[in-house]
Structure formats: structure tokens, C-alpha cells
Amino acid sequence: MMSRTKAFVDTTILTDVLLKPGPVGDSARAALGHFESTELHCYAIKEFKAGPLTNFAWFHNVLVNERSFWKSVDRLQRVSRTLQRHLTSTALEALREAARLEDTRLVDLAEQYGPDAKLDTVLCDRFRLSLNVLIKKAWKRRRTVTTDVVGALACYDEREPSEQRGLLDCAPRKCSSEIECSIGQEMKQRPSDVRLLLTATNAVEKAENRRRGAALKELLKQRGSLSDKQCRHLGDAVFAFYCPDDAVILTTNIVDHRPLARALGKEAVSPDDLVDPDTMP
């Protein structure tokens, strides 16, 4: 029977808590409340910054550069037809969260922007400001979501996003190439676990698993350091590897996490599983 008192938190939960103030965020926070203790690995912070936070910042910067709400939305629509179409989903989430302006009164907007201000300009500025605050606050709170933060990465500089001329920059998003990958270095010490993760990965054919499988095979070769790209491709396998034996992985991506966790005799649960604790595996 897996412990129901300790959770090992993945990047999806961290993202929901920090960037989604509405019902999705509430669900993630409620899930965390089911456990006596919660752990966050620094790998999740790296994933959070390189993925969701960077994508939110991307749309923030589109608003800054376009200086028009309508042009920014048009840019988003055009991106949806390119190889960067993955940005669309996250940017739409950013747009949704930035739209939480329930307490904003029209009379206040008229006073701030003047009676002749165009709606396009006002919307662009309001959404930009809202995203700016959300992104900066999310980064500052990253280490407060769980009761503990573990797994410091010697190869990763956890630097806060910078701002120049109104543009947000989430660099560095990659680990230093001059220091051996901390994740790879530790996973190499347990090749039997890596093999089990590789078997579970190869059981489901999809692009993400092909990339993960290639990175796991590289670990088994015991040659040199993983590149930043290979480290990122390990993804969900990292959480299965590092999750303590007395904890469960808490994630919204249960489909990918569960087989990897079970390969190592562990378990993954989602916030939905915790609505009724009796349904928890």
C-alpha cells in the first residue's frame, strides 16, 4: 500500500498552482492539502521555467511589441499554423488568466487612460500588466508551493527572469554545458532502475517516448554527460526515479506518469483521484 501522507510534486501541479488562479489552480492546491508533507524536485523548477513560464512570458512580450491587443491575438492565431503551435495552448491559458479583471471598473480605466483612449490600447496594456505580475509572482513563489524543495542541481542556474525595455527574459533555461548533468550523474548510479524505466517507456509508441528512450539508453552507455536537451527529454522518468519510496507522485499527467512510476514499484495519482481518497490506487 502506497503512502497517502507524502507527495512528490511534478511540474504540472507546480504550474497549476502558480499560473492558474482559477478552478484548475484551486484543484491543485486542494490536492496538495491531502498530504502531510510535499516535496518538489529542482528539476520541476527547471521544467517550469523552460516551459510554461517562458511561454507565458512569450505572449507577454508579444503584447509589448505589438502594442495592440488585436494584433497580438492575430499573432497568436498565425503561430498556431507553424511548428511552434505548442505555444498556442499555453498562450491561450495566459490570456485566460490575464483576463481575470472582475474588479476593474470602466470609470477607473477612463481615469487612468483618458476618455479618448482606444479599447484596443487599453486591453493590450491591461493584459500585459496582468501577465507581468502573474509571471513575476509565480517565480517568487516557486519554492513555497510544497513543504520541502529537494534535489539541488549544480549544473543549473536558478536565476529569476529579467526585464529590459518592458520585455521579460526567462534565461537561462538551459543547464551549464561546463558542469556534468546532475540528473544524469545520479541516474547512472542505478542502471537497473534506468533499464526498468526504458522498458516502460518503450511499451508505448509515441514521439515523446522515443526521445525519452534515447536519453535513457544514453545513460546506460555510461559515457560522458547528458546534454541539456537529453536531460529535458528524460522528463517524467526523472520523477519516477527520484520519488521517495514512501511517497506518491502527484501529477495531472497521470497517463504518462503511472506506467513509469509502477515500473519502479511506485505510484502516481492525480487531483481527481483525491476527490474520494478511497479511489486512490
Protein backbone atom coordinates (compact mmCIF):
# COMPACT_ATOMS: atom_id res chain seq x y z
CA MET A 1 0.00 0.00 0.00
CA MET A 2 1.44 3.34 -1.03
CA SER A 3 1.72 6.18 1.47
CA ARG A 4 -1.08 8.70 1.43
CA THR A 5 0.78 11.16 3.62
CA LYS A 6 3.60 12.31 1.31
CA ALA A 7 3.51 13.62 -2.26
CA PHE A 8 6.31 14.11 -4.76
CA VAL A 9 5.07 17.02 -6.88
CA ASP A 10 5.62 17.20 -10.63
CA THR A 11 5.77 20.18 -12.98
CA THR A 12 2.08 20.10 -13.95
CA ILE A 13 0.97 20.63 -10.34
CA LEU A 14 3.57 23.36 -9.81
CA THR A 15 2.32 25.11 -12.95
CA ASP A 16 -1.34 24.87 -11.99
CA VAL A 17 -0.70 26.33 -8.55
CA LEU A 18 1.49 29.20 -9.76
CA LEU A 19 -0.02 30.21 -13.10
CA LYS A 20 -3.68 29.23 -12.92
CA PRO A 21 -5.52 31.15 -10.17
CA GLY A 22 -8.95 29.78 -11.13
CA PRO A 23 -10.57 26.35 -10.63
CA VAL A 24 -7.57 24.46 -12.04
CA GLY A 25 -5.25 26.09 -9.53
CA ASP A 26 -7.75 25.51 -6.75
CA SER A 27 -7.85 21.80 -7.61
CA ALA A 28 -4.05 21.54 -7.46
CA ARG A 29 -3.89 23.34 -4.12
CA ALA A 30 -6.63 21.13 -2.70
CA ALA A 31 -4.70 18.04 -3.83
CA LEU A 32 -1.58 19.25 -2.03
CA GLY A 33 -3.68 19.69 1.09
CA HIS A 34 -4.41 15.95 1.19
CA PHE A 35 -0.82 15.22 2.21
CA GLU A 36 1.06 15.82 5.45
CA SER A 37 4.23 16.64 3.53
CA THR A 38 5.03 17.52 -0.08
CA GLU A 39 8.33 17.54 -1.97
CA LEU A 40 9.35 19.41 -5.09
CA HIS A 41 12.48 18.45 -7.01
CA CYS A 42 14.51 21.27 -8.58
CA TYR A 43 14.12 19.52 -11.93
CA ALA A 44 10.44 20.57 -11.80
CA ILE A 45 11.52 24.19 -11.31
CA LYS A 46 13.78 23.94 -14.34
CA GLU A 47 10.96 22.42 -16.43
CA PHE A 48 8.54 25.06 -15.18
CA LYS A 49 10.80 27.93 -16.20
CA ALA A 50 11.80 26.49 -19.56
CA GLY A 51 8.23 25.57 -20.46
CA PRO A 52 5.09 27.20 -19.02
CA LEU A 53 6.76 30.32 -17.57
CA THR A 54 8.67 31.01 -20.79
CA ASN A 55 5.52 30.55 -22.87
CA PHE A 56 3.56 32.95 -20.66
CA ALA A 57 6.44 35.42 -21.00
CA TRP A 58 6.37 34.96 -24.78
CA PHE A 59 2.79 36.17 -25.02
CA HIS A 60 3.54 38.99 -22.58
CA ASN A 61 6.31 40.12 -24.92
CA VAL A 62 4.03 39.86 -27.95
CA LEU A 63 1.71 42.36 -26.25
CA VAL A 64 4.67 44.64 -25.52
CA ASN A 65 5.95 44.53 -29.09
CA GLU A 66 2.62 44.74 -30.91
CA ARG A 67 1.15 47.44 -28.63
CA SER A 68 -2.23 46.19 -29.78
CA PHE A 69 -4.48 43.55 -28.29
CA TRP A 70 -5.99 42.64 -31.65
CA LYS A 71 -2.61 42.35 -33.38
CA SER A 72 -1.36 40.20 -30.54
CA VAL A 73 -4.29 37.81 -30.87
CA ASP A 74 -3.71 37.71 -34.64
CA ARG A 75 -0.06 36.83 -34.00
CA LEU A 76 -1.19 34.02 -31.75
CA GLN A 77 -3.50 32.69 -34.44
CA ARG A 78 -0.71 32.75 -37.04
CA VAL A 79 1.66 30.88 -34.71
CA SER A 80 -0.94 28.11 -34.39
CA ARG A 81 -0.19 27.21 -38.04
CA THR A 82 3.56 26.88 -37.53
CA LEU A 83 5.95 24.38 -35.93
CA GLN A 84 5.66 26.49 -32.77
CA ARG A 85 1.96 25.74 -32.48
CA HIS A 86 2.55 24.30 -28.99
CA LEU A 87 2.83 27.93 -27.88
CA THR A 88 -0.82 28.48 -28.74
CA SER A 89 -2.25 26.36 -25.94
CA THR A 90 -0.09 27.89 -23.22
CA ALA A 91 -0.55 31.41 -24.57
CA LEU A 92 -4.33 30.91 -24.52
CA GLU A 93 -4.03 29.86 -20.88
CA ALA A 94 -2.02 33.03 -20.24
CA LEU A 95 -4.71 35.04 -21.98
CA ARG A 96 -7.43 33.39 -19.90
CA GLU A 97 -5.68 34.02 -16.60
CA ALA A 98 -4.81 37.59 -17.54
CA ALA A 99 -8.49 38.17 -18.33
CA ARG A 100 -9.42 37.94 -14.65
CA LEU A 101 -10.24 41.63 -14.39
CA GLU A 102 -13.51 41.27 -12.48
CA ASP A 103 -12.68 44.10 -10.08
CA THR A 104 -11.75 46.55 -12.82
CA ARG A 105 -14.30 49.35 -13.28
CA LEU A 106 -14.76 51.24 -16.53
CA VAL A 107 -14.67 54.54 -14.66
CA ASP A 108 -11.23 53.64 -13.29
CA LEU A 109 -9.97 52.77 -16.77
CA ALA A 110 -11.26 56.09 -18.13
CA GLU A 111 -9.45 57.92 -15.35
CA GLN A 112 -6.21 56.04 -15.96
CA TYR A 113 -6.13 56.06 -19.76
CA GLY A 114 -8.21 59.12 -20.55
CA PRO A 115 -11.64 59.35 -22.20
CA ASP A 116 -10.16 59.22 -25.72
CA ALA A 117 -8.14 56.03 -25.23
CA LYS A 118 -8.85 53.24 -27.71
CA LEU A 119 -10.20 49.98 -26.35
CA ASP A 120 -7.50 48.10 -28.26
CA THR A 121 -4.77 50.01 -26.42
CA VAL A 122 -6.42 49.66 -23.03
CA LEU A 123 -6.92 45.89 -23.39
CA CYS A 124 -3.34 45.40 -24.55
CA ASP A 125 -1.97 47.30 -21.56
CA ARG A 126 -4.26 45.63 -19.02
CA PHE A 127 -3.40 42.14 -20.25
CA ARG A 128 0.30 42.99 -20.35
CA LEU A 129 0.26 44.29 -16.78
CA SER A 130 -1.71 41.31 -15.52
CA LEU A 131 0.68 38.83 -17.14
CA ASN A 132 3.72 40.71 -15.89
CA VAL A 133 2.52 40.50 -12.29
CA LEU A 134 1.44 36.86 -12.65
CA ILE A 135 4.80 35.75 -14.10
CA LYS A 136 6.94 37.57 -11.53
CA LYS A 137 4.80 36.44 -8.61
CA ALA A 138 4.86 32.84 -9.87
CA TRP A 139 8.65 32.75 -9.94
CA LYS A 140 8.96 34.24 -6.46
CA ARG A 141 6.55 31.65 -5.06
CA ARG A 142 8.06 28.61 -6.79
CA ARG A 143 9.71 27.31 -3.61
CA THR A 144 6.70 27.92 -1.37
CA VAL A 145 4.27 25.54 -3.06
CA THR A 146 5.50 22.46 -1.19
CA THR A 147 6.74 21.81 2.34
CA ASP A 148 10.19 20.85 1.01
CA VAL A 149 12.35 21.52 -2.06
CA VAL A 150 14.93 18.83 -2.83
CA GLY A 151 17.50 17.85 -5.45
CA ALA A 152 19.63 20.94 -5.97
CA LEU A 153 21.13 20.93 -9.48
CA ALA A 154 24.77 22.01 -9.58
CA CYS A 155 24.52 22.38 -13.37
CA TYR A 156 21.51 24.73 -13.34
CA ASP A 157 21.49 28.44 -12.50
CA GLU A 158 18.09 29.11 -10.92
CA ARG A 159 18.07 32.79 -11.85
CA GLU A 160 14.94 34.94 -11.78
CA PRO A 161 13.53 36.31 -15.07
CA SER A 162 14.89 39.71 -16.04
CA GLU A 163 13.13 42.65 -17.66
CA GLN A 164 14.61 45.11 -20.14
CA ARG A 165 12.62 47.74 -22.03
CA GLY A 166 9.44 46.05 -20.85
CA LEU A 167 10.36 42.61 -22.23
CA LEU A 168 10.64 39.60 -19.94
CA ASP A 169 13.55 37.20 -20.43
CA CYS A 170 13.45 33.79 -18.72
CA ALA A 171 17.08 32.95 -19.45
CA PRO A 172 18.89 30.86 -18.52
CA ARG A 173 16.60 27.99 -19.40
CA LYS A 174 19.39 25.51 -20.06
CA CYS A 175 21.95 23.89 -17.78
CA SER A 176 25.61 24.79 -18.00
CA SER A 177 27.50 22.72 -20.56
CA GLU A 178 30.64 23.10 -18.43
CA ILE A 179 29.25 21.10 -15.50
CA GLU A 180 28.22 17.45 -15.71
CA CYS A 181 24.45 16.95 -15.75
CA SER A 182 23.42 16.38 -12.13
CA ILE A 183 20.41 14.26 -13.13
CA GLY A 184 22.40 12.06 -15.47
CA GLN A 185 25.21 11.65 -12.97
CA GLU A 186 22.83 10.30 -10.31
CA MET A 187 20.70 8.15 -12.60
CA LYS A 188 23.80 6.39 -13.92
CA GLN A 189 24.38 5.05 -10.42
CA ARG A 190 21.19 2.94 -10.67
CA PRO A 191 21.33 1.27 -14.11
CA SER A 192 18.79 -1.40 -13.14
CA ASP A 193 16.18 1.30 -12.48
CA VAL A 194 17.07 3.02 -15.75
CA ARG A 195 16.50 -0.27 -17.60
CA LEU A 196 13.08 -0.67 -15.98
CA LEU A 197 12.17 2.88 -16.98
CA LEU A 198 13.36 2.20 -20.52
CA THR A 199 11.18 -0.92 -20.77
CA ALA A 200 8.13 1.03 -19.58
CA THR A 201 8.94 3.84 -22.00
CA ASN A 202 9.30 1.53 -24.98
CA ALA A 203 5.94 -0.11 -24.20
CA VAL A 204 4.07 2.90 -25.60
CA GLU A 205 4.99 4.16 -29.06
CA LYS A 206 4.90 7.93 -29.38
CA ALA A 207 7.34 10.72 -30.19
CA GLU A 208 7.84 11.79 -26.58
CA ASN A 209 8.71 8.25 -25.56
CA ARG A 210 11.14 7.84 -28.44
CA ARG A 211 13.04 10.88 -27.21
CA ARG A 212 12.89 9.68 -23.61
CA GLY A 213 14.04 6.22 -24.62
CA ALA A 214 17.04 7.63 -26.48
CA ALA A 215 18.07 9.62 -23.39
CA LEU A 216 17.67 6.58 -21.12
CA LYS A 217 19.80 4.48 -23.48
CA GLU A 218 22.47 7.16 -23.36
CA LEU A 219 22.55 6.85 -19.56
CA LEU A 220 23.11 3.09 -19.85
CA LYS A 221 26.15 3.68 -22.04
CA GLN A 222 27.82 5.40 -19.06
CA ARG A 223 29.68 7.75 -21.40
CA GLY A 224 30.14 11.43 -20.64
CA SER A 225 27.48 13.89 -19.57
CA LEU A 226 23.95 14.22 -20.86
CA SER A 227 23.28 17.33 -22.92
CA ASP A 228 20.63 19.77 -21.73
CA LYS A 229 18.31 18.51 -24.47
CA GLN A 230 18.77 14.88 -23.41
CA CYS A 231 18.14 15.83 -19.79
CA ARG A 232 14.89 17.54 -20.79
CA HIS A 233 13.87 14.51 -22.83
CA LEU A 234 14.06 12.33 -19.69
CA GLY A 235 11.04 14.30 -18.45
CA ASP A 236 8.58 12.21 -16.46
CA ALA A 237 11.15 9.45 -15.92
CA VAL A 238 13.03 11.80 -13.59
CA PHE A 239 10.07 11.99 -11.22
CA ALA A 240 9.65 8.22 -11.14
CA PHE A 241 13.38 7.84 -10.42
CA TYR A 242 13.57 10.42 -7.63
CA CYS A 243 10.20 9.88 -5.96
CA PRO A 244 10.86 8.55 -2.43
CA ASP A 245 9.61 5.04 -1.72
CA ASP A 246 7.26 6.40 0.95
CA ALA A 247 5.62 8.94 -1.37
CA VAL A 248 3.33 9.09 -4.40
CA ILE A 249 3.87 11.25 -7.48
CA LEU A 250 1.23 13.96 -7.69
CA THR A 251 0.53 14.97 -11.29
CA THR A 252 -2.22 15.91 -13.73
CA ASN A 253 -0.43 13.88 -16.42
CA ILE A 254 -1.39 10.53 -14.96
CA VAL A 255 -1.33 8.70 -18.31
CA ASP A 256 2.43 9.17 -18.75
CA HIS A 257 3.50 9.10 -15.11
CA ARG A 258 1.69 5.99 -13.90
CA PRO A 259 3.48 3.34 -16.02
CA LEU A 260 6.88 4.88 -15.29
CA ALA A 261 6.18 5.01 -11.56
CA ARG A 262 4.87 1.44 -11.46
CA ALA A 263 7.99 0.24 -13.28
CA LEU A 264 9.89 1.13 -10.10
CA GLY A 265 7.24 -0.12 -7.69
CA LYS A 266 5.87 3.34 -7.03
CA GLU A 267 2.56 5.08 -7.71
CA ALA A 268 1.25 8.23 -9.33
CA VAL A 269 -2.03 9.96 -8.52
CA SER A 270 -3.90 12.93 -9.89
CA PRO A 271 -6.01 15.57 -8.12
CA ASP A 272 -9.09 13.75 -9.44
CA ASP A 273 -8.01 10.59 -7.61
CA LEU A 274 -8.01 12.53 -4.37
CA VAL A 275 -11.59 13.78 -4.58
CA ASP A 276 -12.53 10.45 -3.00
CA PRO A 277 -9.48 9.07 -1.13
CA ASP A 278 -10.95 5.54 -1.35
CA THR A 279 -10.37 5.61 -5.12
CA MET A 280 -6.66 6.27 -4.71
CA PRO A 281 -4.64 3.33 -6.08
